[in-house]
Protein backbone atom coordinates (compact mmCIF):
# COMPACT_ATOMS: atom_id res chain seq x y z
CA MET A 1 146.11 -147.59 -9.11
CA PRO A 2 146.64 -144.40 -10.83
CA LEU A 3 144.44 -140.92 -10.18
CA CYS A 4 142.98 -138.96 -12.81
CA SER A 5 144.90 -135.82 -13.06
CA ARG A 6 141.91 -133.59 -13.44
CA CYS A 7 139.76 -135.17 -10.74
CA GLY A 8 141.57 -136.75 -9.07
CA ARG A 9 139.58 -139.88 -8.81
CA GLU A 10 140.59 -143.78 -9.46
CA ILE A 11 141.16 -144.44 -13.10
CA LYS A 12 140.14 -148.05 -13.81
CA GLU A 13 143.08 -149.19 -16.61
CA LEU A 14 141.71 -150.67 -19.56
CA GLY A 15 144.73 -153.97 -20.36
CA LYS A 16 147.12 -152.90 -21.47
CA THR A 17 146.20 -149.99 -23.95
CA GLY A 18 147.57 -147.61 -22.37
CA GLN A 19 144.41 -145.87 -21.66
CA GLY A 20 142.12 -145.58 -17.89
CA ILE A 21 138.01 -144.61 -17.40
CA CYS A 22 137.57 -141.87 -15.11
CA PRO A 23 133.72 -142.33 -12.78
CA THR A 24 133.89 -138.21 -13.77
CA CYS A 25 136.27 -137.28 -17.14
CA GLY A 26 135.63 -140.61 -19.30
CA ILE A 27 138.25 -142.28 -20.75
CA VAL A 28 142.08 -140.78 -20.18
CA SER A 29 145.17 -141.87 -21.26
CA LEU A 30 147.49 -142.80 -18.69
CA SER A 31 151.08 -141.20 -20.03
CA ALA A 32 149.26 -138.65 -19.56
CA ILE A 33 148.03 -138.45 -16.11
CA SER A 34 150.33 -137.22 -13.43
CA VAL A 35 151.75 -139.32 -10.54
CA PRO A 36 149.52 -139.69 -7.24
CA SER A 37 150.30 -138.96 -3.69
CA LYS A 38 150.91 -141.74 -1.54
CA VAL A 39 148.25 -143.22 -0.42
CA SER A 40 148.29 -145.93 2.03
CA GLN A 41 147.76 -149.63 0.05
CA GLY A 42 144.64 -150.47 -0.65
CA THR A 43 143.06 -147.82 1.04
CA ALA A 44 140.72 -146.55 -2.24
CA PRO A 45 139.72 -142.51 -2.22
CA ILE A 46 136.93 -141.88 0.78
CA GLU A 47 133.83 -141.45 -1.23
CA GLY A 48 132.50 -137.88 -1.03
CA ALA A 49 135.62 -135.94 0.14
CA PRO A 50 136.32 -132.53 -1.72
CA ARG A 51 137.24 -133.38 -5.80
CA ALA A 52 140.32 -130.98 -6.98
CA GLU A 53 138.82 -127.78 -9.28
CA THR A 54 138.34 -128.88 -12.60
CA ARG A 55 138.01 -126.07 -15.87
CA ARG A 56 135.06 -126.95 -15.27
CA ASP A 57 134.22 -125.22 -12.39
CA ARG A 58 136.87 -122.03 -12.62
CA GLY A 59 134.12 -119.88 -14.35
CA GLY A 60 131.42 -120.07 -11.82
CA PRO A 61 132.03 -117.29 -9.42
CA ARG A 62 132.45 -115.52 -12.58
CA LYS A 63 129.48 -116.56 -14.55
CA VAL A 64 127.19 -115.76 -11.42
CA VAL A 65 128.93 -111.94 -10.41
CA LEU A 66 128.33 -111.74 -14.57
CA ILE A 67 123.95 -112.99 -13.82
CA GLY A 68 124.23 -111.22 -10.32
CA LEU A 69 124.41 -108.18 -13.41
CA VAL A 70 122.54 -108.24 -15.44
CA ILE A 71 119.35 -109.46 -12.22
CA VAL A 72 120.45 -105.93 -11.05
CA ILE A 73 120.37 -104.13 -14.48
CA LEU A 74 116.54 -105.56 -15.53
CA VAL A 75 114.87 -104.46 -12.47
CA SER A 76 116.66 -101.06 -12.64
CA VAL A 77 114.74 -101.11 -16.08
CA GLY A 78 111.47 -102.42 -15.98
CA TYR A 79 111.35 -99.99 -12.37
CA LEU A 80 112.09 -96.39 -14.24
CA VAL A 81 109.95 -97.72 -17.08
CA GLY A 82 107.23 -99.26 -15.04
CA ASN A 83 107.60 -95.53 -12.98
CA ARG A 84 107.29 -93.46 -16.26
CA VAL A 85 110.26 -91.08 -14.54
CA PHE A 86 109.72 -87.68 -15.64
CA VAL A 87 112.55 -85.76 -17.09
CA PRO A 88 112.26 -82.07 -17.47
CA PRO A 89 112.78 -81.02 -21.09
CA LEU A 90 114.86 -78.05 -22.16
CA PRO A 91 114.25 -74.92 -22.14
CA THR A 92 114.11 -74.03 -25.29
CA ILE A 93 115.74 -70.26 -25.70
CA THR A 94 115.16 -68.00 -28.32
CA PRO A 95 117.53 -65.44 -29.56
CA THR A 96 116.41 -61.48 -29.00
CA GLU A 97 116.41 -59.51 -31.39
CA THR A 98 118.66 -56.41 -31.05
CA PRO A 99 116.62 -53.42 -31.96
CA ALA A 100 118.07 -51.44 -34.51
CA ARG A 101 120.41 -48.20 -33.96
CA THR A 102 118.23 -45.11 -34.91
CA SER A 103 120.26 -41.85 -35.21
CA THR A 104 119.84 -39.39 -33.51
CA PRO A 105 117.95 -36.04 -35.48
CA THR A 106 119.59 -32.78 -35.68
CA LEU A 107 117.60 -30.27 -34.12
CA THR A 108 117.80 -27.17 -36.05
CA PRO A 109 117.59 -24.14 -33.76
CA THR A 110 114.48 -22.17 -33.73
CA PRO A 111 115.39 -18.62 -34.58
CA THR A 112 114.57 -16.32 -31.56
CA PRO A 113 111.46 -14.23 -32.99
CA VAL A 114 111.44 -11.14 -33.05
CA GLY A 115 108.91 -8.68 -31.07
CA THR A 116 108.25 -5.85 -33.50
CA ASP A 117 107.42 -5.52 -37.08
CA ASP A 118 109.63 -3.33 -37.35
CA ALA A 119 112.99 -5.90 -36.13
CA ARG A 120 111.19 -8.40 -38.31
CA ILE A 121 111.58 -6.24 -41.45
CA ARG A 122 115.85 -5.28 -40.70
CA GLU A 123 116.07 -9.10 -40.46
CA MET A 124 114.74 -10.25 -43.55
CA VAL A 125 116.56 -8.06 -45.96
CA SER A 126 119.64 -8.05 -44.29
CA ARG A 127 118.74 -11.79 -45.53
CA TYR A 128 117.75 -10.44 -49.02
CA TYR A 129 120.62 -8.72 -49.72
CA ASP A 130 122.60 -12.04 -48.20
CA ALA A 131 120.93 -14.17 -50.68
CA PHE A 132 122.51 -12.01 -53.46
CA ASN A 133 125.52 -11.87 -52.53
CA LYS A 134 125.45 -15.48 -52.22
CA HIS A 135 124.18 -15.83 -55.57
CA TRP A 136 121.61 -18.05 -54.25
CA THR A 137 118.99 -17.57 -57.11
CA GLU A 138 116.45 -19.34 -55.26
CA GLY A 139 117.00 -17.81 -51.79
CA TYR A 140 116.90 -14.13 -53.15
CA LEU A 141 113.15 -15.77 -54.92
CA SER A 142 111.84 -16.21 -51.27
CA PHE A 143 111.20 -12.96 -50.29
CA PHE A 144 109.17 -12.09 -53.18
CA VAL A 145 105.08 -12.68 -52.91
CA ASP A 146 104.24 -14.92 -56.03
CA ASP A 147 103.36 -11.93 -58.74
CA GLY A 148 105.69 -9.18 -57.20
CA GLN A 149 107.94 -7.61 -59.47
CA LYS A 150 111.77 -5.75 -60.21
CA LEU A 151 112.12 -2.17 -61.71
CA TYR A 152 115.20 -0.69 -63.33
CA ASN A 153 115.15 3.17 -62.68
CA HIS A 154 111.35 3.44 -62.30
CA GLY A 155 110.40 0.79 -64.72
CA ARG A 156 113.41 2.53 -67.97
CA ASP A 157 115.36 -0.07 -67.50
CA GLY A 158 113.36 -3.01 -67.37
CA THR A 159 110.45 -4.02 -65.50
CA TYR A 160 109.84 -8.76 -64.52
CA THR A 161 107.25 -10.43 -62.43
CA GLY A 162 106.70 -13.04 -61.03
CA HIS A 163 109.05 -15.71 -59.88
CA LYS A 164 110.27 -16.87 -63.36
CA SER A 165 111.18 -13.42 -65.39
CA ILE A 166 113.15 -11.91 -62.23
CA GLY A 167 114.85 -15.12 -61.49
CA ASP A 168 116.18 -15.31 -64.65
CA GLN A 169 117.24 -11.73 -64.86
CA LEU A 170 118.82 -12.29 -61.50
CA SER A 171 120.49 -15.27 -63.06
CA LEU A 172 121.82 -13.88 -66.31
CA VAL A 173 123.47 -10.89 -63.43
CA PHE A 174 125.72 -13.50 -62.01
CA LEU A 175 126.42 -14.92 -65.53
CA VAL A 176 128.21 -11.66 -66.92
CA TYR A 177 128.86 -10.21 -63.11
CA LEU A 178 130.63 -13.57 -61.22
CA ASP A 179 131.81 -12.09 -58.19
CA ILE A 180 128.61 -9.07 -57.58
CA VAL A 181 128.10 -8.26 -54.27
CA ALA A 182 126.42 -5.95 -52.91
CA SER A 183 128.58 -4.07 -49.97
CA ASP A 184 128.23 -1.28 -47.52
CA ILE A 185 124.19 -1.90 -47.21
CA LYS A 186 122.05 1.00 -45.33
CA ILE A 187 118.07 0.65 -44.49
CA THR A 188 117.96 4.41 -44.69
CA GLY A 189 113.61 4.20 -43.87
CA ILE A 190 110.91 1.89 -42.72
CA LYS A 191 107.50 3.05 -42.72
CA VAL A 192 105.11 0.36 -41.12
CA ASP A 193 101.33 0.24 -41.56
CA GLY A 194 98.99 -2.50 -40.36
CA ASN A 195 99.55 -5.56 -43.05
CA ALA A 196 102.42 -3.27 -45.48
CA ALA A 197 105.59 -1.46 -44.49
CA THR A 198 107.56 0.50 -46.58
CA VAL A 199 111.41 0.19 -46.97
CA GLN A 200 114.10 1.91 -48.25
CA CYS A 201 117.36 1.63 -48.15
CA GLU A 202 121.36 1.62 -50.04
CA TYR A 203 124.08 -0.35 -51.33
CA THR A 204 127.01 -0.42 -53.86
CA ALA A 205 127.33 -3.12 -55.92
CA THR A 206 130.92 -4.23 -56.88
CA SER A 207 132.22 -7.22 -58.97
CA GLU A 208 135.69 -6.04 -60.06
CA LYS A 209 136.50 -9.01 -62.81
CA ARG A 210 133.96 -6.16 -65.34
CA GLN A 211 135.67 -3.42 -63.17
CA TYR A 212 131.98 -2.78 -61.64
CA LYS A 213 131.42 -0.17 -59.23
CA GLU A 214 127.59 1.98 -58.83
CA LEU A 215 125.46 2.71 -56.17
CA PHE A 216 121.99 1.79 -55.50
CA THR A 217 119.03 3.03 -54.21
CA GLU A 218 116.84 0.92 -52.74
CA SER A 219 112.27 0.83 -52.41
CA MET A 220 111.13 -1.84 -51.81
CA GLU A 221 106.51 -1.29 -50.62
CA LEU A 222 106.14 -4.45 -48.56
CA LEU A 223 103.05 -7.82 -47.69
CA LYS A 224 102.90 -9.11 -44.51
CA VAL A 225 101.99 -12.29 -45.72
CA ASP A 226 100.93 -14.95 -42.36
CA SER A 227 103.29 -13.22 -39.87
CA ALA A 228 106.50 -13.13 -42.87
CA TRP A 229 107.22 -9.83 -44.46
CA LYS A 230 106.41 -10.78 -48.55
CA ILE A 231 108.11 -8.27 -51.57
CA MET A 232 105.52 -6.80 -53.60
CA LYS A 233 107.65 -4.82 -55.71
CA THR A 234 111.23 -2.80 -55.05
CA ASP A 235 112.29 -0.04 -58.16
CA LEU A 236 116.07 0.28 -58.15
CA VAL A 237 118.05 3.42 -59.51
CA SER A 238 121.08 4.26 -59.76
CA HIS A 239 123.60 6.61 -58.55
C-alpha cells in the first residue's frame, strides 16, 4: 500500500480515481507520492512511530525562539517602568560672556612741582612765550586773569582789556605777521611780594616774510591765583 510523501503514513486508495486518503494530510494525489521504502509485505506501520518532518513542523523551533525573545523584552520593559529607572538630566551649560576689553588710559605725567616762587614764575614766562611762538591764542590767554590788560608803549599805541580784546588783537598780529616769533628771550628781573610779583623781560620779534625785526621789553605785573601765577597787566615797549 502506498505511503504519504508528506507524513509517511499509509494511504488508502479511492478506487481508480488516482487519489487516496491520508489519515494526516487528507486527500492526496497518488501520482505525486514518493515510492515507499521496502517494508515487509503485510506489515503495517507501527502506530506511534516517529513520522517524517512536515512543513507545519519546520517553523516550530524559530517560533519558540522568537516568542522567548518577546517575553524577555516585555519583562525588561515592565521592570524598568515599574522601578522608574532614574536618568540624571544633562547639565545646562550657560555661555559665559567674555568681558569687553577696556582700553588702558594714557597717564599724563605730572610735572614736578617747583619749590620756589622765582622758579615757578620763570616756568610760567617760558610757557607764555612758547604759546606766542606757536600762534596758540587760547593758550596765550590762559596766562591772563579774566580782566587782565595788555598795553603797547605804555598805552600810547593801544590798550586791550579782557580775554576777548587781547585775543582779537593777537589774532590780527598773527594774520599780518604769519611767521612772527619771539627769540633771544631773557628775564632781566623778578621781584616777589607775597601773592604779587613783577617781572622784566626782553626779546626780539622777527618776521622773515614781512622783513620785520624789532627789540621789545615787557614789564609784567603778576598775581598768584590758586598757586598759579597770572598776568594782571603787561606793557610792551618797542626799541
